[in-house]
Amino acid sequence: MALEGEGEKHLCVGGGSLGRYCIYATFDNERFFTLAFGDQPETAVMLNVGGQEGDYPSNTIGDIATVLVASKRLLRPGK
């Protein structure tokens, strides 16, 4: 799922299996940022994103509440 903001700003959410999601955002469509949780240990987690399974670092996977907070913050006008 992709959410678009002003200009080139957008946020993409992948996954969903077992309530696990990975999120990336960009403000200019040139630099991309992956949401990460520094307080979690990093282990590999198998996640289906865009119809393809792959290993993702566990400290880059959040729940739906995290997706909603990140989406609201990124897509606020003027931010």
C-alpha atoms as a PDB file:
ATOM      1  CA  MET A   1       0.000   0.000   0.000  1.00  0.00           C
ATOM      2  CA  ALA A   2       1.313   3.446  -0.844  1.00  0.00           C
ATOM      3  CA  LEU A   3       0.114   6.731   0.630  1.00  0.00           C
ATOM      4  CA  GLU A   4       0.989   9.950  -1.123  1.00  0.00           C
ATOM      5  CA  GLY A   5       1.494  13.367   0.423  1.00  0.00           C
ATOM      6  CA  GLU A   6       2.434  16.749  -0.990  1.00  0.00           C
ATOM      7  CA  GLY A   7       4.916  16.764  -3.874  1.00  0.00           C
ATOM      8  CA  GLU A   8       7.089  13.642  -3.965  1.00  0.00           C
ATOM      9  CA  LYS A   9       6.318  12.659  -0.376  1.00  0.00           C
ATOM     10  CA  HIS A  10       5.028   9.120   0.036  1.00  0.00           C
ATOM     11  CA  LEU A  11       4.990   6.217   2.446  1.00  0.00           C
ATOM     12  CA  CYS A  12       4.819   2.529   1.529  1.00  0.00           C
ATOM     13  CA  VAL A  13       3.641  -0.248   3.795  1.00  0.00           C
ATOM     14  CA  GLY A  14       4.286  -3.901   3.068  1.00  0.00           C
ATOM     15  CA  GLY A  15       3.448  -7.129   4.782  1.00  0.00           C
ATOM     16  CA  GLY A  16       0.405  -7.680   6.958  1.00  0.00           C
ATOM     17  CA  SER A  17       0.844 -11.355   7.743  1.00  0.00           C
ATOM     18  CA  LEU A  18       0.315 -11.930  11.452  1.00  0.00           C
ATOM     19  CA  GLY A  19      -0.062  -8.158  11.894  1.00  0.00           C
ATOM     20  CA  ARG A  20       3.556  -7.416  10.925  1.00  0.00           C
ATOM     21  CA  TYR A  21       4.449  -4.569   8.571  1.00  0.00           C
ATOM     22  CA  CYS A  22       7.555  -2.874   7.206  1.00  0.00           C
ATOM     23  CA  ILE A  23       7.381   0.809   6.345  1.00  0.00           C
ATOM     24  CA  TYR A  24       9.488   3.138   4.253  1.00  0.00           C
ATOM     25  CA  ALA A  25       9.035   6.811   3.473  1.00  0.00           C
ATOM     26  CA  THR A  26      10.527   9.431   1.190  1.00  0.00           C
ATOM     27  CA  PHE A  27      10.115  13.175   1.042  1.00  0.00           C
ATOM     28  CA  ASP A  28      11.808  13.747  -2.323  1.00  0.00           C
ATOM     29  CA  ASN A  29      11.686  10.344  -4.082  1.00  0.00           C
ATOM     30  CA  GLU A  30      15.503  10.251  -3.960  1.00  0.00           C
ATOM     31  CA  ARG A  31      16.306   9.423  -0.327  1.00  0.00           C
ATOM     32  CA  PHE A  32      14.343   6.619   1.313  1.00  0.00           C
ATOM     33  CA  PHE A  33      13.970   5.954   5.029  1.00  0.00           C
ATOM     34  CA  THR A  34      12.956   2.674   6.638  1.00  0.00           C
ATOM     35  CA  LEU A  35      11.178   2.875   9.964  1.00  0.00           C
ATOM     36  CA  ALA A  36      13.355   1.113  12.535  1.00  0.00           C
ATOM     37  CA  PHE A  37      13.087   0.388  16.220  1.00  0.00           C
ATOM     38  CA  GLY A  38      16.504   0.746  17.842  1.00  0.00           C
ATOM     39  CA  ASP A  39      15.515  -0.912  21.095  1.00  0.00           C
ATOM     40  CA  GLN A  40      14.759  -4.277  19.502  1.00  0.00           C
ATOM     41  CA  PRO A  41      17.335  -6.966  18.772  1.00  0.00           C
ATOM     42  CA  GLU A  42      17.887  -7.559  15.076  1.00  0.00           C
ATOM     43  CA  THR A  43      17.007 -11.023  13.831  1.00  0.00           C
ATOM     44  CA  ALA A  44      15.752 -12.154  10.427  1.00  0.00           C
ATOM     45  CA  VAL A  45      11.976 -12.434   9.988  1.00  0.00           C
ATOM     46  CA  MET A  46      10.297 -13.933   6.917  1.00  0.00           C
ATOM     47  CA  LEU A  47       7.691 -11.484   5.632  1.00  0.00           C
ATOM     48  CA  ASN A  48       5.596 -11.451   2.457  1.00  0.00           C
ATOM     49  CA  VAL A  49       5.796  -7.988   0.902  1.00  0.00           C
ATOM     50  CA  GLY A  50       4.256  -7.287  -2.476  1.00  0.00           C
ATOM     51  CA  GLY A  51       3.593 -10.982  -3.055  1.00  0.00           C
ATOM     52  CA  GLN A  52       7.204 -11.973  -2.492  1.00  0.00           C
ATOM     53  CA  GLU A  53       8.667 -13.525   0.645  1.00  0.00           C
ATOM     54  CA  GLY A  54      11.946 -12.250   2.004  1.00  0.00           C
ATOM     55  CA  ASP A  55      13.982 -11.900   5.169  1.00  0.00           C
ATOM     56  CA  TYR A  56      13.559  -8.546   6.891  1.00  0.00           C
ATOM     57  CA  PRO A  57      15.373  -7.302   9.987  1.00  0.00           C
ATOM     58  CA  SER A  58      13.045  -7.718  12.974  1.00  0.00           C
ATOM     59  CA  ASN A  59      13.841  -4.195  14.179  1.00  0.00           C
ATOM     60  CA  THR A  60      12.194  -2.797  11.012  1.00  0.00           C
ATOM     61  CA  ILE A  61       8.835  -4.517  11.537  1.00  0.00           C
ATOM     62  CA  GLY A  62       5.928  -2.855  13.327  1.00  0.00           C
ATOM     63  CA  ASP A  63       2.259  -3.457  14.039  1.00  0.00           C
ATOM     64  CA  ILE A  64      -0.778  -1.687  12.581  1.00  0.00           C
ATOM     65  CA  ALA A  65      -0.736   0.974  15.330  1.00  0.00           C
ATOM     66  CA  THR A  66       2.803   1.901  14.289  1.00  0.00           C
ATOM     67  CA  VAL A  67       1.742   2.075  10.632  1.00  0.00           C
ATOM     68  CA  LEU A  68      -1.097   4.440  11.489  1.00  0.00           C
ATOM     69  CA  VAL A  69       1.048   6.776  13.617  1.00  0.00           C
ATOM     70  CA  ALA A  70       3.804   6.911  10.977  1.00  0.00           C
ATOM     71  CA  SER A  71       1.260   7.549   8.222  1.00  0.00           C
ATOM     72  CA  LYS A  72      -0.444  10.390  10.054  1.00  0.00           C
ATOM     73  CA  ARG A  73       2.851  12.086  10.916  1.00  0.00           C
ATOM     74  CA  LEU A  74       4.317  11.814   7.438  1.00  0.00           C
ATOM     75  CA  LEU A  75       1.252  12.975   5.578  1.00  0.00           C
ATOM     76  CA  ARG A  76       0.479  16.056   7.665  1.00  0.00           C
ATOM     77  CA  PRO A  77       0.384  19.099   5.405  1.00  0.00           C
ATOM     78  CA  GLY A  78       3.501  21.257   5.604  1.00  0.00           C
ATOM     79  CA  LYS A  79       5.672  18.558   7.185  1.00  0.00           C
END
